[in-house]
């Protein structure tokens, strides 16, 4: 069984103590993004992090990339088990399918989606997960003592056409660019089931292209962020309103 829902308000001024336990700080990259990971690792080292730095790769990295990232002080780990990608996510009815018409993967979609697999990395009790393009100005090790499954607040302009999930802000509340993940085999299994059973079924049951794209917009538009904003209320029975946890 899953534990009690754990969507938490971002504790910017909570004064949490030092990082503890089996915590790490990391990012997820593919073979095209590894130079950005090297820059992120350099930032983390320069601000004096005491946490293990982990670069999770969702595609195989070139040997020189692994050597450089390791030399900078980070661990390179394959992101397995992988988050499943149902075949329905590649339907030609979708505006942004996970697979192109020529049969090749839409790598940007897969790479973003793959971040969900961090919940399956149960070697760690906490993973401070950062987008690869985050700029770090000070030590952030205290984040490892935040409650598991803490998300950064949504800071985007709510005007139409900006970075909020379309078509409205009803799925707003947090941004997945910075998360404190609480790995859990049970939760990861629930996430995989939500993707392969519920979302896939909703796409299959869509009667028209417009219906399918509505499911896509609310569940997969910014792949992992849109997914999480549906997973928490539907499976964990928790939601976020204006950045605050509502149970």
C-alpha atoms as a PDB file:
ATOM      1  CA  UNK A   1       0.000   0.000   0.000  1.00  0.00           C
ATOM      2  CA  UNK A   2       1.072   3.584  -0.608  1.00  0.00           C
ATOM      3  CA  UNK A   3       1.804   5.784   2.343  1.00  0.00           C
ATOM      4  CA  UNK A   4      -0.203   8.866   3.296  1.00  0.00           C
ATOM      5  CA  UNK A   5      -0.057  11.536   0.551  1.00  0.00           C
ATOM      6  CA  UNK A   6       3.115  13.568   0.892  1.00  0.00           C
ATOM      7  CA  UNK A   7       2.776  16.612  -1.366  1.00  0.00           C
ATOM      8  CA  UNK A   8       4.367  19.371   0.672  1.00  0.00           C
ATOM      9  CA  UNK A   9       4.477  23.141   0.563  1.00  0.00           C
ATOM     10  CA  UNK A  10       7.920  24.464  -0.351  1.00  0.00           C
ATOM     11  CA  UNK A  11       9.577  25.417   2.977  1.00  0.00           C
ATOM     12  CA  UNK A  12      11.640  28.381   1.826  1.00  0.00           C
ATOM     13  CA  UNK A  13      11.915  29.859   5.350  1.00  0.00           C
ATOM     14  CA  UNK A  14      11.353  26.795   7.446  1.00  0.00           C
ATOM     15  CA  UNK A  15      14.870  26.650   8.882  1.00  0.00           C
ATOM     16  CA  UNK A  16      15.218  22.899   8.382  1.00  0.00           C
ATOM     17  CA  UNK A  17      18.418  21.403   9.766  1.00  0.00           C
ATOM     18  CA  UNK A  18      21.423  19.923   8.033  1.00  0.00           C
ATOM     19  CA  UNK A  19      21.097  17.272   5.353  1.00  0.00           C
ATOM     20  CA  UNK A  20      21.044  13.774   6.771  1.00  0.00           C
ATOM     21  CA  UNK A  21      20.603  10.127   5.874  1.00  0.00           C
ATOM     22  CA  UNK A  22      21.088   8.618   2.454  1.00  0.00           C
ATOM     23  CA  UNK A  23      20.533  11.826   0.535  1.00  0.00           C
ATOM     24  CA  UNK A  24      21.989  12.922  -2.797  1.00  0.00           C
ATOM     25  CA  UNK A  25      21.731  15.796  -5.214  1.00  0.00           C
ATOM     26  CA  UNK A  26      21.402  15.062  -8.882  1.00  0.00           C
ATOM     27  CA  UNK A  27      20.142  15.661 -12.370  1.00  0.00           C
ATOM     28  CA  UNK A  28      18.963  13.578 -15.341  1.00  0.00           C
ATOM     29  CA  UNK A  29      20.609  13.880 -18.750  1.00  0.00           C
ATOM     30  CA  UNK A  30      20.731  12.190 -22.123  1.00  0.00           C
ATOM     31  CA  UNK A  31      23.673  11.936 -24.503  1.00  0.00           C
ATOM     32  CA  UNK A  32      22.956  15.394 -25.915  1.00  0.00           C
ATOM     33  CA  UNK A  33      22.789  17.180 -22.560  1.00  0.00           C
ATOM     34  CA  UNK A  34      25.796  15.807 -20.719  1.00  0.00           C
ATOM     35  CA  UNK A  35      27.935  18.981 -21.195  1.00  0.00           C
ATOM     36  CA  UNK A  36      25.272  20.893 -19.246  1.00  0.00           C
ATOM     37  CA  UNK A  37      25.520  18.270 -16.500  1.00  0.00           C
ATOM     38  CA  UNK A  38      29.260  18.886 -16.294  1.00  0.00           C
ATOM     39  CA  UNK A  39      28.599  22.605 -15.739  1.00  0.00           C
ATOM     40  CA  UNK A  40      26.014  21.808 -13.051  1.00  0.00           C
ATOM     41  CA  UNK A  41      28.446  19.488 -11.275  1.00  0.00           C
ATOM     42  CA  UNK A  42      31.094  22.220 -11.338  1.00  0.00           C
ATOM     43  CA  UNK A  43      28.625  24.622  -9.729  1.00  0.00           C
ATOM     44  CA  UNK A  44      27.759  22.149  -6.991  1.00  0.00           C
ATOM     45  CA  UNK A  45      31.410  21.483  -6.236  1.00  0.00           C
ATOM     46  CA  UNK A  46      32.228  25.187  -6.193  1.00  0.00           C
ATOM     47  CA  UNK A  47      29.534  25.974  -3.617  1.00  0.00           C
ATOM     48  CA  UNK A  48      30.897  23.216  -1.385  1.00  0.00           C
ATOM     49  CA  UNK A  49      28.113  20.647  -1.382  1.00  0.00           C
ATOM     50  CA  UNK A  50      28.642  17.799   1.053  1.00  0.00           C
ATOM     51  CA  UNK A  51      26.049  15.633  -0.655  1.00  0.00           C
ATOM     52  CA  UNK A  52      26.919  12.930  -3.192  1.00  0.00           C
ATOM     53  CA  UNK A  53      26.353  14.307  -6.697  1.00  0.00           C
ATOM     54  CA  UNK A  54      24.670  11.861  -9.063  1.00  0.00           C
ATOM     55  CA  UNK A  55      24.217  12.312 -12.801  1.00  0.00           C
ATOM     56  CA  UNK A  56      21.503   9.911 -13.911  1.00  0.00           C
ATOM     57  CA  UNK A  57      21.705   9.101 -17.605  1.00  0.00           C
ATOM     58  CA  UNK A  58      18.575   8.044 -19.470  1.00  0.00           C
ATOM     59  CA  UNK A  59      20.614   7.205 -22.598  1.00  0.00           C
ATOM     60  CA  UNK A  60      24.120   5.797 -22.775  1.00  0.00           C
ATOM     61  CA  UNK A  61      26.730   8.528 -22.413  1.00  0.00           C
ATOM     62  CA  UNK A  62      29.977   8.667 -24.399  1.00  0.00           C
ATOM     63  CA  UNK A  63      32.984   7.374 -22.487  1.00  0.00           C
ATOM     64  CA  UNK A  64      34.675  10.826 -22.426  1.00  0.00           C
ATOM     65  CA  UNK A  65      31.510  12.271 -20.840  1.00  0.00           C
ATOM     66  CA  UNK A  66      31.542   9.676 -18.065  1.00  0.00           C
ATOM     67  CA  UNK A  67      35.255  10.271 -17.492  1.00  0.00           C
ATOM     68  CA  UNK A  68      34.849  14.045 -17.267  1.00  0.00           C
ATOM     69  CA  UNK A  69      31.799  13.990 -15.002  1.00  0.00           C
ATOM     70  CA  UNK A  70      33.503  11.470 -12.730  1.00  0.00           C
ATOM     71  CA  UNK A  71      36.686  13.532 -12.636  1.00  0.00           C
ATOM     72  CA  UNK A  72      34.659  16.561 -11.575  1.00  0.00           C
ATOM     73  CA  UNK A  73      33.411  14.633  -8.550  1.00  0.00           C
ATOM     74  CA  UNK A  74      30.025  13.171  -9.537  1.00  0.00           C
ATOM     75  CA  UNK A  75      28.758   9.631  -9.850  1.00  0.00           C
ATOM     76  CA  UNK A  76      27.227   8.516 -13.139  1.00  0.00           C
ATOM     77  CA  UNK A  77      24.312   6.110 -12.818  1.00  0.00           C
ATOM     78  CA  UNK A  78      22.025   4.554 -15.405  1.00  0.00           C
ATOM     79  CA  UNK A  79      18.423   5.533 -14.695  1.00  0.00           C
ATOM     80  CA  UNK A  80      16.938   2.083 -14.242  1.00  0.00           C
ATOM     81  CA  UNK A  81      14.320   0.825 -13.844  1.00  0.00           C
ATOM     82  CA  UNK A  82      13.027   3.133 -16.550  1.00  0.00           C
ATOM     83  CA  UNK A  83       9.646   4.824 -16.503  1.00  0.00           C
ATOM     84  CA  UNK A  84       7.487   2.902 -18.999  1.00  0.00           C
ATOM     85  CA  UNK A  85       6.299   4.669 -22.151  1.00  0.00           C
ATOM     86  CA  UNK A  86       2.960   3.238 -23.343  1.00  0.00           C
ATOM     87  CA  UNK A  87       2.565   2.917 -27.119  1.00  0.00           C
ATOM     88  CA  UNK A  88      -0.456   5.250 -26.908  1.00  0.00           C
ATOM     89  CA  UNK A  89       1.947   8.116 -26.151  1.00  0.00           C
ATOM     90  CA  UNK A  90       3.189   7.835 -29.750  1.00  0.00           C
ATOM     91  CA  UNK A  91      -0.233   8.082 -31.376  1.00  0.00           C
ATOM     92  CA  UNK A  92      -0.269  10.241 -34.507  1.00  0.00           C
ATOM     93  CA  UNK A  93      -3.367  11.911 -33.102  1.00  0.00           C
ATOM     94  CA  UNK A  94      -1.236  13.684 -30.511  1.00  0.00           C
ATOM     95  CA  UNK A  95       0.245  17.112 -31.108  1.00  0.00           C
ATOM     96  CA  UNK A  96       3.576  16.099 -29.530  1.00  0.00           C
ATOM     97  CA  UNK A  97       3.860  12.305 -29.771  1.00  0.00           C
ATOM     98  CA  UNK A  98       6.747  10.491 -28.109  1.00  0.00           C
ATOM     99  CA  UNK A  99       7.675   8.944 -31.467  1.00  0.00           C
ATOM    100  CA  UNK A 100       8.015  10.665 -34.822  1.00  0.00           C
ATOM    101  CA  UNK A 101       6.283   9.483 -37.976  1.00  0.00           C
ATOM    102  CA  UNK A 102       9.537   7.994 -39.269  1.00  0.00           C
ATOM    103  CA  UNK A 103       9.670   5.745 -36.204  1.00  0.00           C
ATOM    104  CA  UNK A 104      12.459   7.572 -34.373  1.00  0.00           C
ATOM    105  CA  UNK A 105      12.024   8.652 -30.771  1.00  0.00           C
ATOM    106  CA  UNK A 106      11.227  12.251 -29.943  1.00  0.00           C
ATOM    107  CA  UNK A 107      14.203  12.383 -27.608  1.00  0.00           C
ATOM    108  CA  UNK A 108      13.203  15.572 -25.819  1.00  0.00           C
ATOM    109  CA  UNK A 109       9.887  13.983 -24.819  1.00  0.00           C
ATOM    110  CA  UNK A 110      11.531  10.766 -23.636  1.00  0.00           C
ATOM    111  CA  UNK A 111      14.311  12.510 -21.731  1.00  0.00           C
ATOM    112  CA  UNK A 112      11.915  14.730 -19.785  1.00  0.00           C
ATOM    113  CA  UNK A 113       9.549  11.840 -19.086  1.00  0.00           C
ATOM    114  CA  UNK A 114      12.437   9.687 -17.870  1.00  0.00           C
ATOM    115  CA  UNK A 115      12.928  11.974 -14.835  1.00  0.00           C
ATOM    116  CA  UNK A 116       9.994  10.191 -13.199  1.00  0.00           C
ATOM    117  CA  UNK A 117      12.217   7.123 -12.836  1.00  0.00           C
ATOM    118  CA  UNK A 118      14.141   8.921 -10.080  1.00  0.00           C
ATOM    119  CA  UNK A 119      11.331   7.769  -7.754  1.00  0.00           C
ATOM    120  CA  UNK A 120      12.615   4.235  -8.368  1.00  0.00           C
ATOM    121  CA  UNK A 121      16.175   4.986  -7.198  1.00  0.00           C
ATOM    122  CA  UNK A 122      15.657   3.528  -3.740  1.00  0.00           C
ATOM    123  CA  UNK A 123      19.369   3.524  -2.926  1.00  0.00           C
ATOM    124  CA  UNK A 124      18.611   7.047  -1.692  1.00  0.00           C
ATOM    125  CA  UNK A 125      16.136   8.300   0.899  1.00  0.00           C
ATOM    126  CA  UNK A 126      16.111  11.796  -0.636  1.00  0.00           C
ATOM    127  CA  UNK A 127      17.255  13.086  -4.006  1.00  0.00           C
ATOM    128  CA  UNK A 128      17.398  16.827  -4.560  1.00  0.00           C
ATOM    129  CA  UNK A 129      16.610  16.739  -8.274  1.00  0.00           C
ATOM    130  CA  UNK A 130      17.580  19.740 -10.384  1.00  0.00           C
ATOM    131  CA  UNK A 131      16.978  20.613 -13.997  1.00  0.00           C
ATOM    132  CA  UNK A 132      20.275  20.602 -15.821  1.00  0.00           C
ATOM    133  CA  UNK A 133      19.990  24.329 -16.579  1.00  0.00           C
ATOM    134  CA  UNK A 134      19.575  25.463 -12.950  1.00  0.00           C
ATOM    135  CA  UNK A 135      21.988  28.202 -11.842  1.00  0.00           C
ATOM    136  CA  UNK A 136      23.174  27.688  -8.261  1.00  0.00           C
ATOM    137  CA  UNK A 137      24.276  30.728  -6.272  1.00  0.00           C
ATOM    138  CA  UNK A 138      24.718  29.243  -2.780  1.00  0.00           C
ATOM    139  CA  UNK A 139      24.919  25.940  -0.950  1.00  0.00           C
ATOM    140  CA  UNK A 140      21.573  24.112  -1.030  1.00  0.00           C
ATOM    141  CA  UNK A 141      22.430  21.017   1.030  1.00  0.00           C
ATOM    142  CA  UNK A 142      19.706  21.877   3.564  1.00  0.00           C
ATOM    143  CA  UNK A 143      17.152  20.859   0.941  1.00  0.00           C
ATOM    144  CA  UNK A 144      18.038  17.232   1.596  1.00  0.00           C
ATOM    145  CA  UNK A 145      16.334  17.575   4.997  1.00  0.00           C
ATOM    146  CA  UNK A 146      13.069  18.819   3.469  1.00  0.00           C
ATOM    147  CA  UNK A 147      10.088  16.427   3.594  1.00  0.00           C
ATOM    148  CA  UNK A 148      10.064  13.831   0.801  1.00  0.00           C
ATOM    149  CA  UNK A 149       8.214  14.895  -2.344  1.00  0.00           C
ATOM    150  CA  UNK A 150       8.590  18.626  -1.884  1.00  0.00           C
ATOM    151  CA  UNK A 151       8.154  20.706  -5.025  1.00  0.00           C
ATOM    152  CA  UNK A 152       9.168  24.228  -5.989  1.00  0.00           C
ATOM    153  CA  UNK A 153       6.238  26.639  -6.345  1.00  0.00           C
ATOM    154  CA  UNK A 154       5.002  27.605  -9.784  1.00  0.00           C
ATOM    155  CA  UNK A 155       6.675  30.907 -10.580  1.00  0.00           C
ATOM    156  CA  UNK A 156       5.651  31.326 -14.198  1.00  0.00           C
ATOM    157  CA  UNK A 157       3.565  34.153 -15.613  1.00  0.00           C
ATOM    158  CA  UNK A 158      -0.033  32.863 -15.708  1.00  0.00           C
ATOM    159  CA  UNK A 159      -0.782  34.690 -18.963  1.00  0.00           C
ATOM    160  CA  UNK A 160      -1.919  32.494 -21.888  1.00  0.00           C
ATOM    161  CA  UNK A 161       0.924  31.028 -23.888  1.00  0.00           C
ATOM    162  CA  UNK A 162       3.491  31.107 -21.078  1.00  0.00           C
ATOM    163  CA  UNK A 163       5.092  28.181 -19.278  1.00  0.00           C
ATOM    164  CA  UNK A 164       2.051  27.007 -17.323  1.00  0.00           C
ATOM    165  CA  UNK A 165       0.433  23.749 -18.402  1.00  0.00           C
ATOM    166  CA  UNK A 166      -2.218  24.486 -21.029  1.00  0.00           C
ATOM    167  CA  UNK A 167      -5.079  25.139 -21.343  1.00  0.00           C
ATOM    168  CA  UNK A 168      -5.595  26.725 -17.877  1.00  0.00           C
ATOM    169  CA  UNK A 169      -3.829  27.091 -14.536  1.00  0.00           C
ATOM    170  CA  UNK A 170      -6.084  24.550 -12.842  1.00  0.00           C
ATOM    171  CA  UNK A 171      -3.107  22.168 -12.851  1.00  0.00           C
ATOM    172  CA  UNK A 172      -0.750  24.851 -11.535  1.00  0.00           C
ATOM    173  CA  UNK A 173       0.849  24.952  -8.133  1.00  0.00           C
ATOM    174  CA  UNK A 174       4.392  23.658  -8.566  1.00  0.00           C
ATOM    175  CA  UNK A 175       7.269  23.411 -10.994  1.00  0.00           C
ATOM    176  CA  UNK A 176       9.231  20.204 -11.444  1.00  0.00           C
ATOM    177  CA  UNK A 177      12.518  21.950 -12.254  1.00  0.00           C
ATOM    178  CA  UNK A 178      13.497  21.624  -8.588  1.00  0.00           C
ATOM    179  CA  UNK A 179      12.149  18.729  -6.524  1.00  0.00           C
ATOM    180  CA  UNK A 180      13.084  16.858  -3.368  1.00  0.00           C
ATOM    181  CA  UNK A 181      12.190  13.332  -4.403  1.00  0.00           C
ATOM    182  CA  UNK A 182      11.450  10.622  -1.861  1.00  0.00           C
ATOM    183  CA  UNK A 183      12.280   7.391  -3.728  1.00  0.00           C
ATOM    184  CA  UNK A 184       9.820   4.586  -3.061  1.00  0.00           C
ATOM    185  CA  UNK A 185       9.354   1.298  -4.894  1.00  0.00           C
ATOM    186  CA  UNK A 186       5.620   1.359  -4.132  1.00  0.00           C
ATOM    187  CA  UNK A 187       5.164   4.900  -5.365  1.00  0.00           C
ATOM    188  CA  UNK A 188       7.199   4.269  -8.513  1.00  0.00           C
ATOM    189  CA  UNK A 189       5.042   1.223  -9.240  1.00  0.00           C
ATOM    190  CA  UNK A 190       1.937   3.373  -8.761  1.00  0.00           C
ATOM    191  CA  UNK A 191       3.340   5.976 -11.160  1.00  0.00           C
ATOM    192  CA  UNK A 192       4.056   3.325 -13.779  1.00  0.00           C
ATOM    193  CA  UNK A 193       0.532   1.936 -13.401  1.00  0.00           C
ATOM    194  CA  UNK A 194      -1.004   5.392 -13.694  1.00  0.00           C
ATOM    195  CA  UNK A 195       0.819   5.856 -17.004  1.00  0.00           C
ATOM    196  CA  UNK A 196       0.261   2.410 -18.501  1.00  0.00           C
ATOM    197  CA  UNK A 197      -3.297   1.882 -17.294  1.00  0.00           C
ATOM    198  CA  UNK A 198      -5.131   5.146 -16.695  1.00  0.00           C
ATOM    199  CA  UNK A 199      -3.502   7.627 -19.086  1.00  0.00           C
ATOM    200  CA  UNK A 200      -3.078   5.073 -21.857  1.00  0.00           C
ATOM    201  CA  UNK A 201      -6.720   4.045 -21.454  1.00  0.00           C
ATOM    202  CA  UNK A 202      -7.890   7.662 -21.649  1.00  0.00           C
ATOM    203  CA  UNK A 203      -6.002   8.103 -24.906  1.00  0.00           C
ATOM    204  CA  UNK A 204      -7.481   4.888 -26.315  1.00  0.00           C
ATOM    205  CA  UNK A 205     -10.973   5.907 -25.262  1.00  0.00           C
ATOM    206  CA  UNK A 206     -10.696   9.353 -26.844  1.00  0.00           C
ATOM    207  CA  UNK A 207     -13.230   9.453 -29.684  1.00  0.00           C
ATOM    208  CA  UNK A 208     -11.624  12.235 -31.689  1.00  0.00           C
ATOM    209  CA  UNK A 209      -8.233  13.789 -32.249  1.00  0.00           C
ATOM    210  CA  UNK A 210      -9.403  16.787 -30.256  1.00  0.00           C
ATOM    211  CA  UNK A 211     -10.315  14.528 -27.328  1.00  0.00           C
ATOM    212  CA  UNK A 212      -6.942  12.765 -27.482  1.00  0.00           C
ATOM    213  CA  UNK A 213      -5.093  16.066 -27.536  1.00  0.00           C
ATOM    214  CA  UNK A 214      -7.091  17.272 -24.539  1.00  0.00           C
ATOM    215  CA  UNK A 215      -5.832  14.251 -22.577  1.00  0.00           C
ATOM    216  CA  UNK A 216      -2.344  15.023 -23.868  1.00  0.00           C
ATOM    217  CA  UNK A 217      -2.506  18.667 -22.775  1.00  0.00           C
ATOM    218  CA  UNK A 218      -3.611  17.848 -19.239  1.00  0.00           C
ATOM    219  CA  UNK A 219      -1.435  14.766 -18.640  1.00  0.00           C
ATOM    220  CA  UNK A 220       1.643  14.902 -20.892  1.00  0.00           C
ATOM    221  CA  UNK A 221       2.247  18.399 -22.220  1.00  0.00           C
ATOM    222  CA  UNK A 222       5.340  19.061 -20.111  1.00  0.00           C
ATOM    223  CA  UNK A 223       5.750  15.325 -19.721  1.00  0.00           C
ATOM    224  CA  UNK A 224       6.840  14.742 -16.131  1.00  0.00           C
ATOM    225  CA  UNK A 225       5.384  17.951 -14.687  1.00  0.00           C
ATOM    226  CA  UNK A 226       1.945  17.498 -16.242  1.00  0.00           C
ATOM    227  CA  UNK A 227       1.973  13.857 -15.144  1.00  0.00           C
ATOM    228  CA  UNK A 228       2.807  14.709 -11.536  1.00  0.00           C
ATOM    229  CA  UNK A 229       0.083  17.340 -11.357  1.00  0.00           C
ATOM    230  CA  UNK A 230      -2.455  14.626 -12.220  1.00  0.00           C
ATOM    231  CA  UNK A 231      -0.856  11.765 -10.298  1.00  0.00           C
ATOM    232  CA  UNK A 232      -0.877  13.460  -6.891  1.00  0.00           C
ATOM    233  CA  UNK A 233      -4.602  14.280  -6.713  1.00  0.00           C
ATOM    234  CA  UNK A 234      -5.835  11.149  -8.488  1.00  0.00           C
ATOM    235  CA  UNK A 235      -3.617   8.503  -6.891  1.00  0.00           C
ATOM    236  CA  UNK A 236      -2.238  10.114  -3.742  1.00  0.00           C
ATOM    237  CA  UNK A 237      -5.486  12.022  -3.044  1.00  0.00           C
ATOM    238  CA  UNK A 238      -3.605  15.269  -2.525  1.00  0.00           C
ATOM    239  CA  UNK A 239      -3.520  18.466  -4.546  1.00  0.00           C
ATOM    240  CA  UNK A 240      -1.787  21.802  -4.691  1.00  0.00           C
ATOM    241  CA  UNK A 241      -3.492  25.176  -4.855  1.00  0.00           C
ATOM    242  CA  UNK A 242      -1.344  28.290  -5.232  1.00  0.00           C
ATOM    243  CA  UNK A 243       1.693  26.329  -4.097  1.00  0.00           C
ATOM    244  CA  UNK A 244       0.215  25.056  -0.826  1.00  0.00           C
ATOM    245  CA  UNK A 245      -0.488  21.429   0.013  1.00  0.00           C
ATOM    246  CA  UNK A 246      -4.179  20.529   0.280  1.00  0.00           C
ATOM    247  CA  UNK A 247      -5.089  17.125   1.673  1.00  0.00           C
END
